[in-house]
Structures are given as structure tokens and as C-alpha cells.
C-alpha atoms as a PDB file:
ATOM      1  CA  MET A   1      -0.789 -22.130 -22.575  1.00  0.00           C
ATOM      2  CA  SER A   2       0.045 -18.781 -21.084  1.00  0.00           C
ATOM      3  CA  CYS A   3       2.275 -18.670 -18.017  1.00  0.00           C
ATOM      4  CA  VAL A   4       1.807 -14.825 -17.515  1.00  0.00           C
ATOM      5  CA  GLN A   5      -1.072 -13.938 -15.263  1.00  0.00           C
ATOM      6  CA  LEU A   6      -2.150 -10.422 -15.612  1.00  0.00           C
ATOM      7  CA  GLY A   7      -4.550  -8.355 -13.507  1.00  0.00           C
ATOM      8  CA  ALA A   8      -7.818  -6.998 -14.769  1.00  0.00           C
ATOM      9  CA  ASP A   9      -6.088  -3.796 -15.952  1.00  0.00           C
ATOM     10  CA  GLY A  10      -3.331  -5.706 -17.821  1.00  0.00           C
ATOM     11  CA  ARG A  11      -0.630  -5.023 -15.232  1.00  0.00           C
ATOM     12  CA  MET A  12       1.045  -7.244 -12.773  1.00  0.00           C
ATOM     13  CA  LYS A  13      -0.094  -6.361  -9.368  1.00  0.00           C
ATOM     14  CA  LYS A  14       0.983  -8.987  -6.787  1.00  0.00           C
ATOM     15  CA  VAL A  15       4.299 -10.322  -5.750  1.00  0.00           C
ATOM     16  CA  SER A  16       2.724 -13.728  -5.495  1.00  0.00           C
ATOM     17  CA  GLU A  17       1.723 -13.593  -9.122  1.00  0.00           C
ATOM     18  CA  LEU A  18       5.344 -12.776 -10.081  1.00  0.00           C
ATOM     19  CA  ASN A  19       6.719 -15.536  -8.038  1.00  0.00           C
ATOM     20  CA  TRP A  20       4.097 -17.888  -9.494  1.00  0.00           C
ATOM     21  CA  ASN A  21       5.517 -17.055 -12.966  1.00  0.00           C
ATOM     22  CA  ALA A  22       9.124 -17.657 -11.769  1.00  0.00           C
ATOM     23  CA  ASP A  23       8.023 -21.068 -10.379  1.00  0.00           C
ATOM     24  CA  LYS A  24       6.283 -22.031 -13.703  1.00  0.00           C
ATOM     25  CA  PHE A  25       9.463 -21.044 -15.595  1.00  0.00           C
ATOM     26  CA  ARG A  26      11.626 -23.112 -13.293  1.00  0.00           C
ATOM     27  CA  MET A  27       9.354 -26.182 -13.833  1.00  0.00           C
ATOM     28  CA  MET A  28       9.653 -25.760 -17.558  1.00  0.00           C
ATOM     29  CA  ALA A  29      13.342 -25.402 -17.354  1.00  0.00           C
ATOM     30  CA  LYS A  30      13.574 -28.636 -15.462  1.00  0.00           C
ATOM     31  CA  ARG A  31      11.513 -30.375 -18.228  1.00  0.00           C
ATOM     32  CA  ALA A  32      13.447 -28.732 -21.057  1.00  0.00           C
ATOM     33  CA  THR A  33      15.095 -31.141 -23.445  1.00  0.00           C
ATOM     34  CA  SER A  34      17.860 -28.929 -24.819  1.00  0.00           C
ATOM     35  CA  PRO A  35      20.521 -26.966 -22.912  1.00  0.00           C
ATOM     36  CA  GLU A  36      19.501 -23.872 -24.800  1.00  0.00           C
ATOM     37  CA  GLN A  37      15.872 -24.172 -23.762  1.00  0.00           C
ATOM     38  CA  LYS A  38      16.865 -24.909 -20.208  1.00  0.00           C
ATOM     39  CA  THR A  39      19.191 -21.829 -20.063  1.00  0.00           C
ATOM     40  CA  MET A  40      16.559 -19.550 -21.582  1.00  0.00           C
ATOM     41  CA  LEU A  41      13.732 -20.798 -19.268  1.00  0.00           C
ATOM     42  CA  SER A  42      16.010 -20.530 -16.195  1.00  0.00           C
ATOM     43  CA  LYS A  43      16.926 -17.012 -17.215  1.00  0.00           C
ATOM     44  CA  MET A  44      13.204 -16.152 -17.536  1.00  0.00           C
ATOM     45  CA  ALA A  45      12.549 -17.563 -14.117  1.00  0.00           C
ATOM     46  CA  GLU A  46      15.373 -15.508 -12.670  1.00  0.00           C
ATOM     47  CA  MET A  47      13.880 -12.416 -14.369  1.00  0.00           C
ATOM     48  CA  TRP A  48      10.478 -13.071 -12.670  1.00  0.00           C
ATOM     49  CA  GLU A  49      11.965 -13.659  -9.474  1.00  0.00           C
ATOM     50  CA  ASN A  50      14.029 -10.383  -9.698  1.00  0.00           C
ATOM     51  CA  LEU A  51      10.794  -8.509 -10.627  1.00  0.00           C
ATOM     52  CA  ALA A  52       9.000  -9.934  -7.619  1.00  0.00           C
ATOM     53  CA  LYS A  53      11.899  -8.739  -5.383  1.00  0.00           C
ATOM     54  CA  GLU A  54      11.863  -5.252  -6.861  1.00  0.00           C
ATOM     55  CA  ARG A  55       8.023  -5.067  -6.476  1.00  0.00           C
ATOM     56  CA  GLU A  56       8.267  -6.205  -2.898  1.00  0.00           C
ATOM     57  CA  ALA A  57      10.989  -3.552  -2.119  1.00  0.00           C
ATOM     58  CA  GLU A  58       8.788  -0.856  -3.839  1.00  0.00           C
ATOM     59  CA  SER A  59       5.921  -1.932  -1.534  1.00  0.00           C
ATOM     60  CA  VAL A  60       8.064  -1.538   1.601  1.00  0.00           C
ATOM     61  CA  VAL A  61       9.362   1.767   0.438  1.00  0.00           C
ATOM     62  CA  ARG A  62       5.668   2.934  -0.230  1.00  0.00           C
ATOM     63  CA  GLN A  63       4.628   1.709   3.287  1.00  0.00           C
ATOM     64  CA  ILE A  64       7.423   3.535   4.970  1.00  0.00           C
ATOM     65  CA  GLY A  65       6.444   6.704   3.104  1.00  0.00           C
ATOM     66  CA  GLU A  66       2.865   6.277   4.282  1.00  0.00           C
ATOM     67  CA  LEU A  67       4.008   5.842   7.811  1.00  0.00           C
ATOM     68  CA  GLU A  68       6.172   8.896   7.640  1.00  0.00           C
ATOM     69  CA  GLY A  69       3.332  10.924   6.087  1.00  0.00           C
ATOM     70  CA  SER A  70       0.992   9.872   8.916  1.00  0.00           C
ATOM     71  CA  LYS A  71       3.579  10.980  11.487  1.00  0.00           C
ATOM     72  CA  ALA A  72       3.846  14.398   9.804  1.00  0.00           C
ATOM     73  CA  ALA A  73       0.016  14.793   9.762  1.00  0.00           C
ATOM     74  CA  SER A  74      -0.204  14.149  13.493  1.00  0.00           C
ATOM     75  CA  PRO A  75       2.924  15.585  15.144  1.00  0.00           C
ATOM     76  CA  VAL A  76       3.880  14.244  18.549  1.00  0.00           C
ATOM     77  CA  VAL A  77       3.491  16.841  21.411  1.00  0.00           C
ATOM     78  CA  SER A  78       5.839  16.528  24.173  1.00  0.00           C
ATOM     79  CA  PRO A  79       4.864  17.241  27.767  1.00  0.00           C
ATOM     80  CA  SER A  80       6.928  20.570  27.757  1.00  0.00           C
ATOM     81  CA  ASP A  81       5.015  21.752  24.733  1.00  0.00           C
ATOM     82  CA  LYS A  82       1.633  21.744  26.481  1.00  0.00           C
ATOM     83  CA  THR A  83       0.365  24.956  27.884  1.00  0.00           C
ATOM     84  CA  GLY A  84      -1.613  25.409  31.003  1.00  0.00           C
ATOM     85  CA  SER A  85       0.416  23.066  33.126  1.00  0.00           C
END
């Protein structure tokens, strides 16, 4: 059974997929019979969760960059800049 869900291109794409993997590892950790397994699986869940947070932050930064880029492409004209008034 594979817990890692990959996109068609073999890469993780969605934060929801990363969180899904974190949840799966948390469930496995709860069911683990040895302390070593529980620790390892809990650490894996934490790694998936951290990766999801990083991916989400990257998305926000990218969106801000796109917004700033669109502002640069269409500059705001103030009323004092208009000619013919």
C-alpha cells in the first residue's frame, strides 16, 4: 500500500495531497505497536505537514508576485497626471 500520492508528472502538486499524506502517517503512528515505529511515523507525518506549509507559503508568495506584476503592467494614473483637464 502506497501512502504517497503523486501527480501525473510524478511531482506533488497540491497542498491537500501533502496534508493527506500527513494524516495517513498520523493514523499509522496511532496504530503502531512499537515506540520506534510510532516515533518514526510521527516524524514522517510532521515532515509531510511541514512540506504542505512550505508549499502553501510558496503559493502565497507567487500570488503576491503575480499581483505586483499586474500592477506594474497597468500603472495607476492619478488625476493630476491627466492632460487636457
